[in-house]
Each structure stands twice: as C-alpha cells, then as structure tokens.
Amino acid sequence: MLYTNLEHIETADEFSKVISKNENVVVICGRMGPLCIPVYRAIEELGEEYRQIKFFDMEYDNPEFYFFHERPEVKNLEEIPFTTFYNGGEAVKSVGGLQTKAQLKKFLNEILPVNTIA
C-alpha cells in the first residue's frame, strides 16, 4: 500500500475502470522512495487545484500491476515513478522519474483540453 492522500488503484480491473470511466486521469505508479514521494506530494497539491481531473496512485511492486509495466505508454521509461496522463481513455503523455509540481502543471496545461483547465 502506498501511503499517500491519493485515491489508490489496487487491481488491474480497477485500473481499466478508472481509465474508461473518467475523461481526464493522472496515474502515478511508484514506491515510497526518494524519487516518488516528492511527486506524490506535488500530485496531491495539483489535485486540489485541478478538481476536474482524477488523480490516482498504483504500487509499482504489486504483482497485480505487472501488466502496466509493459504498456506502451510506460514500457520505455527508465525511472519510477511513472506518471501517465490520460484523456478520453487514451494515454497522451508519460514521464518517468522525479518531476516538480511546476513540470507536472505544465504537462497538465499542455495536454489536457483547454476547457478542463482550472
């Protein structure tokens, strides 16, 4: 279990439902490590600012998520956490490793439809 204030995705089935039932989603897949914790904090803060976007976390080491490691949007990322932005059920951007709140906000503003930006 990840100790964040984000909503947790705990199964592959939950992941599929989250992506298909929500228009704008950000999923961060990682561990409770030094590169991941600052990203979780930044995402938690952005969740307060971007209420029209659903933010979730997934535990990288959970065997239930090994399917995720092979998905095209994250397969070539070399560092965790994997932060993936989904719009309309499709991955539109994935980044790996340490990202600042400013970087994440920039990605949100670049890739999500203008009418969804806070």
PDB file of N, CA and C in Angstrom:
ATOM      1  N   MET A   1       0.850  -1.184   0.000  1.00  0.00           N
ATOM      2  CA  MET A   1       0.000   0.000   0.000  1.00  0.00           C
ATOM      3  C   MET A   1       0.887   1.236   0.000  1.00  0.00           C
ATOM      4  N   LEU A   2       0.517   2.202  -0.823  1.00  0.00           N
ATOM      5  CA  LEU A   2       1.218   3.474  -0.838  1.00  0.00           C
ATOM      6  C   LEU A   2       0.565   4.406   0.188  1.00  0.00           C
ATOM      7  N   TYR A   3       1.387   5.099   0.922  1.00  0.00           N
ATOM      8  CA  TYR A   3       0.888   5.987   1.968  1.00  0.00           C
ATOM      9  C   TYR A   3       0.821   7.415   1.436  1.00  0.00           C
ATOM     10  N   THR A   4      -0.181   7.640   0.598  1.00  0.00           N
ATOM     11  CA  THR A   4      -0.416   8.954   0.016  1.00  0.00           C
ATOM     12  C   THR A   4      -1.865   9.338   0.297  1.00  0.00           C
ATOM     13  N   ASN A   5      -2.199  10.572  -0.028  1.00  0.00           N
ATOM     14  CA  ASN A   5      -3.580  11.030   0.078  1.00  0.00           C
ATOM     15  C   ASN A   5      -4.315  10.921  -1.250  1.00  0.00           C
ATOM     16  N   LEU A   6      -3.718  10.220  -2.196  1.00  0.00           N
ATOM     17  CA  LEU A   6      -4.361   9.992  -3.494  1.00  0.00           C
ATOM     18  C   LEU A   6      -5.289   8.801  -3.405  1.00  0.00           C
ATOM     19  N   GLU A   7      -6.215   8.719  -4.347  1.00  0.00           N
ATOM     20  CA  GLU A   7      -7.029   7.513  -4.440  1.00  0.00           C
ATOM     21  C   GLU A   7      -6.135   6.399  -4.955  1.00  0.00           C
ATOM     22  N   HIS A   8      -6.274   5.216  -4.385  1.00  0.00           N
ATOM     23  CA  HIS A   8      -5.431   4.082  -4.750  1.00  0.00           C
ATOM     24  C   HIS A   8      -6.147   3.184  -5.755  1.00  0.00           C
ATOM     25  N   ILE A   9      -5.404   2.754  -6.750  1.00  0.00           N
ATOM     26  CA  ILE A   9      -5.876   1.702  -7.655  1.00  0.00           C
ATOM     27  C   ILE A   9      -5.197   0.432  -7.172  1.00  0.00           C
ATOM     28  N   GLU A  10      -5.975  -0.599  -6.861  1.00  0.00           N
ATOM     29  CA  GLU A  10      -5.405  -1.799  -6.256  1.00  0.00           C
ATOM     30  C   GLU A  10      -5.484  -3.043  -7.119  1.00  0.00           C
ATOM     31  N   THR A  11      -6.187  -2.982  -8.246  1.00  0.00           N
ATOM     32  CA  THR A  11      -6.274  -4.146  -9.131  1.00  0.00           C
ATOM     33  C   THR A  11      -6.233  -3.691 -10.583  1.00  0.00           C
ATOM     34  N   ALA A  12      -5.919  -4.624 -11.460  1.00  0.00           N
ATOM     35  CA  ALA A  12      -5.917  -4.333 -12.891  1.00  0.00           C
ATOM     36  C   ALA A  12      -7.314  -3.944 -13.362  1.00  0.00           C
ATOM     37  N   ASP A  13      -8.324  -4.587 -12.802  1.00  0.00           N
ATOM     38  CA  ASP A  13      -9.710  -4.278 -13.163  1.00  0.00           C
ATOM     39  C   ASP A  13     -10.065  -2.840 -12.766  1.00  0.00           C
ATOM     40  N   GLU A  14      -9.645  -2.429 -11.580  1.00  0.00           N
ATOM     41  CA  GLU A  14      -9.878  -1.044 -11.149  1.00  0.00           C
ATOM     42  C   GLU A  14      -9.203  -0.069 -12.096  1.00  0.00           C
ATOM     43  N   PHE A  15      -7.977  -0.386 -12.510  1.00  0.00           N
ATOM     44  CA  PHE A  15      -7.252   0.476 -13.442  1.00  0.00           C
ATOM     45  C   PHE A  15      -8.070   0.663 -14.719  1.00  0.00           C
ATOM     46  N   SER A  16      -8.547  -0.418 -15.295  1.00  0.00           N
ATOM     47  CA  SER A  16      -9.334  -0.351 -16.533  1.00  0.00           C
ATOM     48  C   SER A  16     -10.581   0.499 -16.349  1.00  0.00           C
ATOM     49  N   LYS A  17     -11.255   0.328 -15.228  1.00  0.00           N
ATOM     50  CA  LYS A  17     -12.471   1.103 -14.964  1.00  0.00           C
ATOM     51  C   LYS A  17     -12.166   2.581 -14.798  1.00  0.00           C
ATOM     52  N   VAL A  18     -11.113   2.900 -14.066  1.00  0.00           N
ATOM     53  CA  VAL A  18     -10.744   4.295 -13.841  1.00  0.00           C
ATOM     54  C   VAL A  18     -10.453   4.990 -15.165  1.00  0.00           C
ATOM     55  N   ILE A  19      -9.692   4.336 -16.023  1.00  0.00           N
ATOM     56  CA  ILE A  19      -9.300   4.941 -17.297  1.00  0.00           C
ATOM     57  C   ILE A  19     -10.504   5.083 -18.228  1.00  0.00           C
ATOM     58  N   SER A  20     -11.379   4.101 -18.220  1.00  0.00           N
ATOM     59  CA  SER A  20     -12.511   4.150 -19.153  1.00  0.00           C
ATOM     60  C   SER A  20     -13.664   5.031 -18.686  1.00  0.00           C
ATOM     61  N   LYS A  21     -13.825   5.214 -17.378  1.00  0.00           N
ATOM     62  CA  LYS A  21     -14.990   5.941 -16.869  1.00  0.00           C
ATOM     63  C   LYS A  21     -14.733   7.411 -16.548  1.00  0.00           C
ATOM     64  N   ASN A  22     -13.489   7.842 -16.641  1.00  0.00           N
ATOM     65  CA  ASN A  22     -13.155   9.231 -16.332  1.00  0.00           C
ATOM     66  C   ASN A  22     -12.500   9.876 -17.540  1.00  0.00           C
ATOM     67  N   GLU A  23     -12.895  11.090 -17.839  1.00  0.00           N
ATOM     68  CA  GLU A  23     -12.374  11.782 -19.023  1.00  0.00           C
ATOM     69  C   GLU A  23     -10.891  12.127 -18.878  1.00  0.00           C
ATOM     70  N   ASN A  24     -10.515  12.704 -17.747  1.00  0.00           N
ATOM     71  CA  ASN A  24      -9.138  13.142 -17.524  1.00  0.00           C
ATOM     72  C   ASN A  24      -8.601  12.496 -16.258  1.00  0.00           C
ATOM     73  N   VAL A  25      -7.519  11.746 -16.424  1.00  0.00           N
ATOM     74  CA  VAL A  25      -6.958  10.967 -15.321  1.00  0.00           C
ATOM     75  C   VAL A  25      -5.441  11.101 -15.330  1.00  0.00           C
ATOM     76  N   VAL A  26      -4.865  11.179 -14.141  1.00  0.00           N
ATOM     77  CA  VAL A  26      -3.418  11.090 -13.968  1.00  0.00           C
ATOM     78  C   VAL A  26      -3.171   9.915 -13.028  1.00  0.00           C
ATOM     79  N   VAL A  27      -2.306   8.996 -13.479  1.00  0.00           N
ATOM     80  CA  VAL A  27      -1.949   7.830 -12.662  1.00  0.00           C
ATOM     81  C   VAL A  27      -0.454   7.889 -12.415  1.00  0.00           C
ATOM     82  N   ILE A  28      -0.082   7.784 -11.157  1.00  0.00           N
ATOM     83  CA  ILE A  28       1.330   7.731 -10.788  1.00  0.00           C
ATOM     84  C   ILE A  28       1.605   6.353 -10.199  1.00  0.00           C
ATOM     85  N   CYS A  29       2.559   5.670 -10.794  1.00  0.00           N
ATOM     86  CA  CYS A  29       2.896   4.302 -10.397  1.00  0.00           C
ATOM     87  C   CYS A  29       4.306   4.318  -9.828  1.00  0.00           C
ATOM     88  N   GLY A  30       4.431   4.008  -8.543  1.00  0.00           N
ATOM     89  CA  GLY A  30       5.746   4.075  -7.927  1.00  0.00           C
ATOM     90  C   GLY A  30       5.820   3.336  -6.607  1.00  0.00           C
ATOM     91  N   ARG A  31       6.814   3.729  -5.824  1.00  0.00           N
ATOM     92  CA  ARG A  31       7.078   3.168  -4.493  1.00  0.00           C
ATOM     93  C   ARG A  31       7.120   4.331  -3.502  1.00  0.00           C
ATOM     94  N   MET A  32       7.333   4.016  -2.257  1.00  0.00           N
ATOM     95  CA  MET A  32       7.532   5.051  -1.247  1.00  0.00           C
ATOM     96  C   MET A  32       9.033   5.325  -1.131  1.00  0.00           C
ATOM     97  N   GLY A  33       9.616   5.799  -2.211  1.00  0.00           N
ATOM     98  CA  GLY A  33      11.053   6.060  -2.261  1.00  0.00           C
ATOM     99  C   GLY A  33      11.351   7.527  -2.492  1.00  0.00           C
ATOM    100  N   PRO A  34      12.638   7.897  -2.470  1.00  0.00           N
ATOM    101  CA  PRO A  34      13.029   9.307  -2.537  1.00  0.00           C
ATOM    102  C   PRO A  34      12.686  10.017  -3.843  1.00  0.00           C
ATOM    103  N   LEU A  35      12.565   9.289  -4.951  1.00  0.00           N
ATOM    104  CA  LEU A  35      12.161   9.931  -6.198  1.00  0.00           C
ATOM    105  C   LEU A  35      10.647  10.013  -6.329  1.00  0.00           C
ATOM    106  N   CYS A  36       9.947   9.147  -5.651  1.00  0.00           N
ATOM    107  CA  CYS A  36       8.487   9.074  -5.778  1.00  0.00           C
ATOM    108  C   CYS A  36       7.753  10.008  -4.828  1.00  0.00           C
ATOM    109  N   ILE A  37       8.195  10.087  -3.592  1.00  0.00           N
ATOM    110  CA  ILE A  37       7.459  10.846  -2.570  1.00  0.00           C
ATOM    111  C   ILE A  37       7.251  12.307  -2.971  1.00  0.00           C
ATOM    112  N   PRO A  38       8.266  13.020  -3.501  1.00  0.00           N
ATOM    113  CA  PRO A  38       8.001  14.407  -3.914  1.00  0.00           C
ATOM    114  C   PRO A  38       6.961  14.508  -5.039  1.00  0.00           C
ATOM    115  N   VAL A  39       6.910  13.517  -5.905  1.00  0.00           N
ATOM    116  CA  VAL A  39       5.933  13.538  -6.995  1.00  0.00           C
ATOM    117  C   VAL A  39       4.536  13.306  -6.439  1.00  0.00           C
ATOM    118  N   TYR A  40       4.403  12.377  -5.485  1.00  0.00           N
ATOM    119  CA  TYR A  40       3.097  12.177  -4.852  1.00  0.00           C
ATOM    120  C   TYR A  40       2.614  13.483  -4.218  1.00  0.00           C
ATOM    121  N   ARG A  41       3.499  14.163  -3.507  1.00  0.00           N
ATOM    122  CA  ARG A  41       3.116  15.422  -2.844  1.00  0.00           C
ATOM    123  C   ARG A  41       2.656  16.457  -3.867  1.00  0.00           C
ATOM    124  N   ALA A  42       3.406  16.572  -4.952  1.00  0.00           N
ATOM    125  CA  ALA A  42       3.041  17.534  -5.998  1.00  0.00           C
ATOM    126  C   ALA A  42       1.687  17.183  -6.611  1.00  0.00           C
ATOM    127  N   ILE A  43       1.465  15.901  -6.874  1.00  0.00           N
ATOM    128  CA  ILE A  43       0.195  15.455  -7.452  1.00  0.00           C
ATOM    129  C   ILE A  43      -0.954  15.699  -6.470  1.00  0.00           C
ATOM    130  N   GLU A  44      -0.720  15.466  -5.197  1.00  0.00           N
ATOM    131  CA  GLU A  44      -1.760  15.740  -4.193  1.00  0.00           C
ATOM    132  C   GLU A  44      -2.161  17.211  -4.229  1.00  0.00           C
ATOM    133  N   GLU A  45      -1.183  18.108  -4.311  1.00  0.00           N
ATOM    134  CA  GLU A  45      -1.466  19.539  -4.370  1.00  0.00           C
ATOM    135  C   GLU A  45      -2.188  19.908  -5.649  1.00  0.00           C
ATOM    136  N   LEU A  46      -1.780  19.324  -6.770  1.00  0.00           N
ATOM    137  CA  LEU A  46      -2.438  19.607  -8.041  1.00  0.00           C
ATOM    138  C   LEU A  46      -3.872  19.097  -8.045  1.00  0.00           C
ATOM    139  N   GLY A  47      -4.126  18.027  -7.299  1.00  0.00           N
ATOM    140  CA  GLY A  47      -5.484  17.504  -7.199  1.00  0.00           C
ATOM    141  C   GLY A  47      -6.445  18.515  -6.594  1.00  0.00           C
ATOM    142  N   GLU A  48      -5.945  19.359  -5.707  1.00  0.00           N
ATOM    143  CA  GLU A  48      -6.770  20.408  -5.120  1.00  0.00           C
ATOM    144  C   GLU A  48      -7.030  21.534  -6.119  1.00  0.00           C
ATOM    145  N   GLU A  49      -6.079  21.751  -6.997  1.00  0.00           N
ATOM    146  CA  GLU A  49      -6.172  22.831  -7.982  1.00  0.00           C
ATOM    147  C   GLU A  49      -6.964  22.419  -9.227  1.00  0.00           C
ATOM    148  N   TYR A  50      -6.821  21.167  -9.630  1.00  0.00           N
ATOM    149  CA  TYR A  50      -7.465  20.647 -10.842  1.00  0.00           C
ATOM    150  C   TYR A  50      -8.534  19.632 -10.429  1.00  0.00           C
ATOM    151  N   ARG A  51      -9.617  20.110  -9.917  1.00  0.00           N
ATOM    152  CA  ARG A  51     -10.668  19.217  -9.393  1.00  0.00           C
ATOM    153  C   ARG A  51     -11.381  18.426 -10.484  1.00  0.00           C
ATOM    154  N   GLN A  52     -11.297  18.870 -11.726  1.00  0.00           N
ATOM    155  CA  GLN A  52     -11.945  18.176 -12.828  1.00  0.00           C
ATOM    156  C   GLN A  52     -11.108  17.009 -13.356  1.00  0.00           C
ATOM    157  N   ILE A  53      -9.946  16.803 -12.781  1.00  0.00           N
ATOM    158  CA  ILE A  53      -9.069  15.696 -13.159  1.00  0.00           C
ATOM    159  C   ILE A  53      -9.025  14.717 -11.989  1.00  0.00           C
ATOM    160  N   LYS A  54      -9.059  13.446 -12.300  1.00  0.00           N
ATOM    161  CA  LYS A  54      -8.969  12.413 -11.264  1.00  0.00           C
ATOM    162  C   LYS A  54      -7.507  11.983 -11.153  1.00  0.00           C
ATOM    163  N   PHE A  55      -6.975  11.980  -9.933  1.00  0.00           N
ATOM    164  CA  PHE A  55      -5.585  11.616  -9.674  1.00  0.00           C
ATOM    165  C   PHE A  55      -5.555  10.330  -8.847  1.00  0.00           C
ATOM    166  N   PHE A  56      -4.742   9.379  -9.282  1.00  0.00           N
ATOM    167  CA  PHE A  56      -4.649   8.077  -8.619  1.00  0.00           C
ATOM    168  C   PHE A  56      -3.192   7.658  -8.487  1.00  0.00           C
ATOM    169  N   ASP A  57      -2.954   6.743  -7.544  1.00  0.00           N
ATOM    170  CA  ASP A  57      -1.646   6.102  -7.470  1.00  0.00           C
ATOM    171  C   ASP A  57      -1.808   4.593  -7.599  1.00  0.00           C
ATOM    172  N   MET A  58      -0.709   3.951  -7.992  1.00  0.00           N
ATOM    173  CA  MET A  58      -0.632   2.492  -8.073  1.00  0.00           C
ATOM    174  C   MET A  58       0.733   2.084  -7.540  1.00  0.00           C
ATOM    175  N   GLU A  59       0.778   0.973  -6.858  1.00  0.00           N
ATOM    176  CA  GLU A  59       2.020   0.472  -6.280  1.00  0.00           C
ATOM    177  C   GLU A  59       2.815  -0.306  -7.324  1.00  0.00           C
ATOM    178  N   TYR A  60       4.009   0.183  -7.647  1.00  0.00           N
ATOM    179  CA  TYR A  60       4.847  -0.412  -8.690  1.00  0.00           C
ATOM    180  C   TYR A  60       5.118  -1.895  -8.458  1.00  0.00           C
ATOM    181  N   ASP A  61       5.341  -2.289  -7.220  1.00  0.00           N
ATOM    182  CA  ASP A  61       5.746  -3.667  -6.919  1.00  0.00           C
ATOM    183  C   ASP A  61       4.583  -4.639  -6.716  1.00  0.00           C
ATOM    184  N   ASN A  62       3.371  -4.175  -6.834  1.00  0.00           N
ATOM    185  CA  ASN A  62       2.217  -5.050  -6.681  1.00  0.00           C
ATOM    186  C   ASN A  62       2.136  -5.982  -7.898  1.00  0.00           C
ATOM    187  N   PRO A  63       2.186  -7.292  -7.696  1.00  0.00           N
ATOM    188  CA  PRO A  63       2.118  -8.222  -8.838  1.00  0.00           C
ATOM    189  C   PRO A  63       0.894  -8.000  -9.715  1.00  0.00           C
ATOM    190  N   GLU A  64      -0.149  -7.453  -9.160  1.00  0.00           N
ATOM    191  CA  GLU A  64      -1.363  -7.155  -9.931  1.00  0.00           C
ATOM    192  C   GLU A  64      -1.092  -6.148 -11.055  1.00  0.00           C
ATOM    193  N   PHE A  65      -0.025  -5.368 -10.933  1.00  0.00           N
ATOM    194  CA  PHE A  65       0.250  -4.315 -11.906  1.00  0.00           C
ATOM    195  C   PHE A  65       1.398  -4.619 -12.853  1.00  0.00           C
ATOM    196  N   TYR A  66       1.881  -5.845 -12.887  1.00  0.00           N
ATOM    197  CA  TYR A  66       2.948  -6.163 -13.816  1.00  0.00           C
ATOM    198  C   TYR A  66       2.521  -5.929 -15.255  1.00  0.00           C
ATOM    199  N   PHE A  67       1.220  -6.051 -15.536  1.00  0.00           N
ATOM    200  CA  PHE A  67       0.714  -5.753 -16.876  1.00  0.00           C
ATOM    201  C   PHE A  67       1.024  -4.304 -17.242  1.00  0.00           C
ATOM    202  N   PHE A  68       0.974  -3.417 -16.255  1.00  0.00           N
ATOM    203  CA  PHE A  68       1.170  -1.993 -16.510  1.00  0.00           C
ATOM    204  C   PHE A  68       2.587  -1.690 -16.964  1.00  0.00           C
ATOM    205  N   HIS A  69       3.546  -2.420 -16.436  1.00  0.00           N
ATOM    206  CA  HIS A  69       4.963  -2.190 -16.777  1.00  0.00           C
ATOM    207  C   HIS A  69       5.223  -2.408 -18.260  1.00  0.00           C
ATOM    208  N   GLU A  70       4.392  -3.182 -18.930  1.00  0.00           N
ATOM    209  CA  GLU A  70       4.574  -3.485 -20.352  1.00  0.00           C
ATOM    210  C   GLU A  70       3.683  -2.650 -21.268  1.00  0.00           C
ATOM    211  N   ARG A  71       2.876  -1.780 -20.708  1.00  0.00           N
ATOM    212  CA  ARG A  71       2.015  -0.944 -21.549  1.00  0.00           C
ATOM    213  C   ARG A  71       2.882  -0.002 -22.376  1.00  0.00           C
ATOM    214  N   PRO A  72       2.498   0.283 -23.603  1.00  0.00           N
ATOM    215  CA  PRO A  72       3.315   1.131 -24.486  1.00  0.00           C
ATOM    216  C   PRO A  72       3.651   2.490 -23.891  1.00  0.00           C
ATOM    217  N   GLU A  73       2.735   3.061 -23.107  1.00  0.00           N
ATOM    218  CA  GLU A  73       2.980   4.401 -22.585  1.00  0.00           C
ATOM    219  C   GLU A  73       4.064   4.457 -21.519  1.00  0.00           C
ATOM    220  N   VAL A  74       4.425   3.316 -20.923  1.00  0.00           N
ATOM    221  CA  VAL A  74       5.462   3.326 -19.883  1.00  0.00           C
ATOM    222  C   VAL A  74       6.608   2.357 -20.160  1.00  0.00           C
ATOM    223  N   LYS A  75       6.473   1.527 -21.156  1.00  0.00           N
ATOM    224  CA  LYS A  75       7.441   0.454 -21.397  1.00  0.00           C
ATOM    225  C   LYS A  75       8.884   0.946 -21.495  1.00  0.00           C
ATOM    226  N   ASN A  76       9.106   2.109 -22.090  1.00  0.00           N
ATOM    227  CA  ASN A  76      10.472   2.594 -22.287  1.00  0.00           C
ATOM    228  C   ASN A  76      10.937   3.593 -21.234  1.00  0.00           C
ATOM    229  N   LEU A  77      10.110   3.834 -20.226  1.00  0.00           N
ATOM    230  CA  LEU A  77      10.542   4.725 -19.144  1.00  0.00           C
ATOM    231  C   LEU A  77      11.526   3.979 -18.262  1.00  0.00           C
ATOM    232  N   GLU A  78      12.565   4.667 -17.841  1.00  0.00           N
ATOM    233  CA  GLU A  78      13.635   4.015 -17.090  1.00  0.00           C
ATOM    234  C   GLU A  78      13.616   4.308 -15.600  1.00  0.00           C
ATOM    235  N   GLU A  79      12.864   5.304 -15.172  1.00  0.00           N
ATOM    236  CA  GLU A  79      12.839   5.660 -13.751  1.00  0.00           C
ATOM    237  C   GLU A  79      11.412   5.705 -13.247  1.00  0.00           C
ATOM    238  N   ILE A  80      11.235   5.270 -12.007  1.00  0.00           N
ATOM    239  CA  ILE A  80       9.936   5.451 -11.377  1.00  0.00           C
ATOM    240  C   ILE A  80      10.008   6.701 -10.511  1.00  0.00           C
ATOM    241  N   PRO A  81       8.891   7.320 -10.260  1.00  0.00           N
ATOM    242  CA  PRO A  81       7.559   6.875 -10.609  1.00  0.00           C
ATOM    243  C   PRO A  81       7.240   7.130 -12.076  1.00  0.00           C
ATOM    244  N   PHE A  82       6.314   6.346 -12.590  1.00  0.00           N
ATOM    245  CA  PHE A  82       5.751   6.587 -13.903  1.00  0.00           C
ATOM    246  C   PHE A  82       4.528   7.469 -13.682  1.00  0.00           C
ATOM    247  N   THR A  83       4.483   8.609 -14.322  1.00  0.00           N
ATOM    248  CA  THR A  83       3.321   9.479 -14.237  1.00  0.00           C
ATOM    249  C   THR A  83       2.713   9.537 -15.624  1.00  0.00           C
ATOM    250  N   THR A  84       1.466   9.072 -15.732  1.00  0.00           N
ATOM    251  CA  THR A  84       0.819   8.985 -17.031  1.00  0.00           C
ATOM    252  C   THR A  84      -0.469   9.794 -17.019  1.00  0.00           C
ATOM    253  N   PHE A  85      -0.642  10.568 -18.085  1.00  0.00           N
ATOM    254  CA  PHE A  85      -1.790  11.442 -18.256  1.00  0.00           C
ATOM    255  C   PHE A  85      -2.709  10.814 -19.298  1.00  0.00           C
ATOM    256  N   TYR A  86      -3.979  10.629 -18.933  1.00  0.00           N
ATOM    257  CA  TYR A  86      -4.968  10.016 -19.818  1.00  0.00           C
ATOM    258  C   TYR A  86      -6.072  11.021 -20.120  1.00  0.00           C
ATOM    259  N   ASN A  87      -6.483  11.048 -21.368  1.00  0.00           N
ATOM    260  CA  ASN A  87      -7.607  11.872 -21.794  1.00  0.00           C
ATOM    261  C   ASN A  87      -8.498  11.009 -22.667  1.00  0.00           C
ATOM    262  N   GLY A  88      -9.766  10.890 -22.291  1.00  0.00           N
ATOM    263  CA  GLY A  88     -10.701  10.088 -23.066  1.00  0.00           C
ATOM    264  C   GLY A  88     -10.311   8.627 -23.160  1.00  0.00           C
ATOM    265  N   GLY A  89      -9.677   8.097 -22.117  1.00  0.00           N
ATOM    266  CA  GLY A  89      -9.287   6.691 -22.089  1.00  0.00           C
ATOM    267  C   GLY A  89      -7.964   6.379 -22.767  1.00  0.00           C
ATOM    268  N   GLU A  90      -7.333   7.385 -23.359  1.00  0.00           N
ATOM    269  CA  GLU A  90      -6.066   7.180 -24.069  1.00  0.00           C
ATOM    270  C   GLU A  90      -4.916   7.872 -23.340  1.00  0.00           C
ATOM    271  N   ALA A  91      -3.775   7.207 -23.299  1.00  0.00           N
ATOM    272  CA  ALA A  91      -2.578   7.826 -22.728  1.00  0.00           C
ATOM    273  C   ALA A  91      -2.101   8.916 -23.684  1.00  0.00           C
ATOM    274  N   VAL A  92      -1.919  10.124 -23.158  1.00  0.00           N
ATOM    275  CA  VAL A  92      -1.459  11.222 -24.001  1.00  0.00           C
ATOM    276  C   VAL A  92      -0.038  11.657 -23.668  1.00  0.00           C
ATOM    277  N   LYS A  93       0.453  11.268 -22.499  1.00  0.00           N
ATOM    278  CA  LYS A  93       1.842  11.578 -22.132  1.00  0.00           C
ATOM    279  C   LYS A  93       2.222  10.739 -20.924  1.00  0.00           C
ATOM    280  N   SER A  94       3.466  10.298 -20.910  1.00  0.00           N
ATOM    281  CA  SER A  94       4.032   9.596 -19.756  1.00  0.00           C
ATOM    282  C   SER A  94       5.423  10.141 -19.496  1.00  0.00           C
ATOM    283  N   VAL A  95       5.715  10.328 -18.232  1.00  0.00           N
ATOM    284  CA  VAL A  95       7.045  10.761 -17.829  1.00  0.00           C
ATOM    285  C   VAL A  95       7.512   9.875 -16.686  1.00  0.00           C
ATOM    286  N   GLY A  96       8.810   9.683 -16.606  1.00  0.00           N
ATOM    287  CA  GLY A  96       9.371   8.867 -15.544  1.00  0.00           C
ATOM    288  C   GLY A  96      10.313   9.679 -14.681  1.00  0.00           C
ATOM    289  N   GLY A  97      10.426   9.257 -13.432  1.00  0.00           N
ATOM    290  CA  GLY A  97      11.367   9.873 -12.518  1.00  0.00           C
ATOM    291  C   GLY A  97      10.810  11.090 -11.807  1.00  0.00           C
ATOM    292  N   LEU A  98      11.707  11.791 -11.161  1.00  0.00           N
ATOM    293  CA  LEU A  98      11.364  12.952 -10.356  1.00  0.00           C
ATOM    294  C   LEU A  98      10.863  14.084 -11.244  1.00  0.00           C
ATOM    295  N   GLN A  99       9.683  14.585 -10.933  1.00  0.00           N
ATOM    296  CA  GLN A  99       9.090  15.725 -11.628  1.00  0.00           C
ATOM    297  C   GLN A  99       8.657  16.730 -10.567  1.00  0.00           C
ATOM    298  N   THR A 100       8.882  18.003 -10.826  1.00  0.00           N
ATOM    299  CA  THR A 100       8.437  19.035  -9.897  1.00  0.00           C
ATOM    300  C   THR A 100       6.967  19.355 -10.132  1.00  0.00           C
ATOM    301  N   LYS A 101       6.376  20.034  -9.180  1.00  0.00           N
ATOM    302  CA  LYS A 101       4.987  20.459  -9.332  1.00  0.00           C
ATOM    303  C   LYS A 101       4.849  21.345 -10.566  1.00  0.00           C
ATOM    304  N   ALA A 102       5.808  22.243 -10.785  1.00  0.00           N
ATOM    305  CA  ALA A 102       5.755  23.130 -11.949  1.00  0.00           C
ATOM    306  C   ALA A 102       5.813  22.333 -13.254  1.00  0.00           C
ATOM    307  N   GLN A 103       6.654  21.318 -13.311  1.00  0.00           N
ATOM    308  CA  GLN A 103       6.732  20.491 -14.515  1.00  0.00           C
ATOM    309  C   GLN A 103       5.416  19.747 -14.746  1.00  0.00           C
ATOM    310  N   LEU A 104       4.860  19.171 -13.698  1.00  0.00           N
ATOM    311  CA  LEU A 104       3.610  18.430 -13.818  1.00  0.00           C
ATOM    312  C   LEU A 104       2.466  19.354 -14.233  1.00  0.00           C
ATOM    313  N   LYS A 105       2.439  20.538 -13.665  1.00  0.00           N
ATOM    314  CA  LYS A 105       1.402  21.505 -14.028  1.00  0.00           C
ATOM    315  C   LYS A 105       1.534  21.894 -15.497  1.00  0.00           C
ATOM    316  N   LYS A 106       2.752  22.077 -15.954  1.00  0.00           N
ATOM    317  CA  LYS A 106       2.989  22.405 -17.364  1.00  0.00           C
ATOM    318  C   LYS A 106       2.444  21.295 -18.259  1.00  0.00           C
ATOM    319  N   PHE A 107       2.717  20.033 -17.903  1.00  0.00           N
ATOM    320  CA  PHE A 107       2.199  18.907 -18.688  1.00  0.00           C
ATOM    321  C   PHE A 107       0.676  18.939 -18.712  1.00  0.00           C
ATOM    322  N   LEU A 108       0.060  19.168 -17.557  1.00  0.00           N
ATOM    323  CA  LEU A 108      -1.406  19.219 -17.493  1.00  0.00           C
ATOM    324  C   LEU A 108      -1.955  20.298 -18.420  1.00  0.00           C
ATOM    325  N   ASN A 109      -1.344  21.460 -18.387  1.00  0.00           N
ATOM    326  CA  ASN A 109      -1.824  22.571 -19.207  1.00  0.00           C
ATOM    327  C   ASN A 109      -1.563  22.356 -20.695  1.00  0.00           C
ATOM    328  N   GLU A 110      -0.529  21.624 -21.049  1.00  0.00           N
ATOM    329  CA  GLU A 110      -0.209  21.356 -22.450  1.00  0.00           C
ATOM    330  C   GLU A 110      -1.083  20.292 -23.077  1.00  0.00           C
ATOM    331  N   ILE A 111      -1.408  19.261 -22.317  1.00  0.00           N
ATOM    332  CA  ILE A 111      -2.007  18.087 -22.943  1.00  0.00           C
ATOM    333  C   ILE A 111      -3.496  17.903 -22.724  1.00  0.00           C
ATOM    334  N   LEU A 112      -4.046  18.554 -21.719  1.00  0.00           N
ATOM    335  CA  LEU A 112      -5.467  18.388 -21.473  1.00  0.00           C
ATOM    336  C   LEU A 112      -6.246  19.467 -22.229  1.00  0.00           C
ATOM    337  N   PRO A 113      -7.470  19.158 -22.619  1.00  0.00           N
ATOM    338  CA  PRO A 113      -8.277  20.136 -23.355  1.00  0.00           C
ATOM    339  C   PRO A 113      -8.406  21.446 -22.586  1.00  0.00           C
ATOM    340  N   VAL A 114      -8.407  22.530 -23.312  1.00  0.00           N
ATOM    341  CA  VAL A 114      -8.442  23.873 -22.717  1.00  0.00           C
ATOM    342  C   VAL A 114      -9.620  24.026 -21.766  1.00  0.00           C
ATOM    343  N   ASN A 115     -10.766  23.447 -22.111  1.00  0.00           N
ATOM    344  CA  ASN A 115     -11.950  23.629 -21.273  1.00  0.00           C
ATOM    345  C   ASN A 115     -11.871  22.876 -19.949  1.00  0.00           C
ATOM    346  N   THR A 116     -10.837  22.080 -19.716  1.00  0.00           N
ATOM    347  CA  THR A 116     -10.728  21.362 -18.445  1.00  0.00           C
ATOM    348  C   THR A 116      -9.754  22.032 -17.495  1.00  0.00           C
ATOM    349  N   ILE A 117      -9.051  23.040 -17.941  1.00  0.00           N
ATOM    350  CA  ILE A 117      -8.020  23.673 -17.101  1.00  0.00           C
ATOM    351  C   ILE A 117      -8.670  24.613 -16.097  1.00  0.00           C
ATOM    352  N   ALA A 118      -8.205  24.491 -14.856  1.00  0.00           N
ATOM    353  CA  ALA A 118      -8.757  25.306 -13.764  1.00  0.00           C
ATOM    354  C   ALA A 118      -8.409  26.772 -13.952  1.00  0.00           C
TER     355      ALA A 118
END
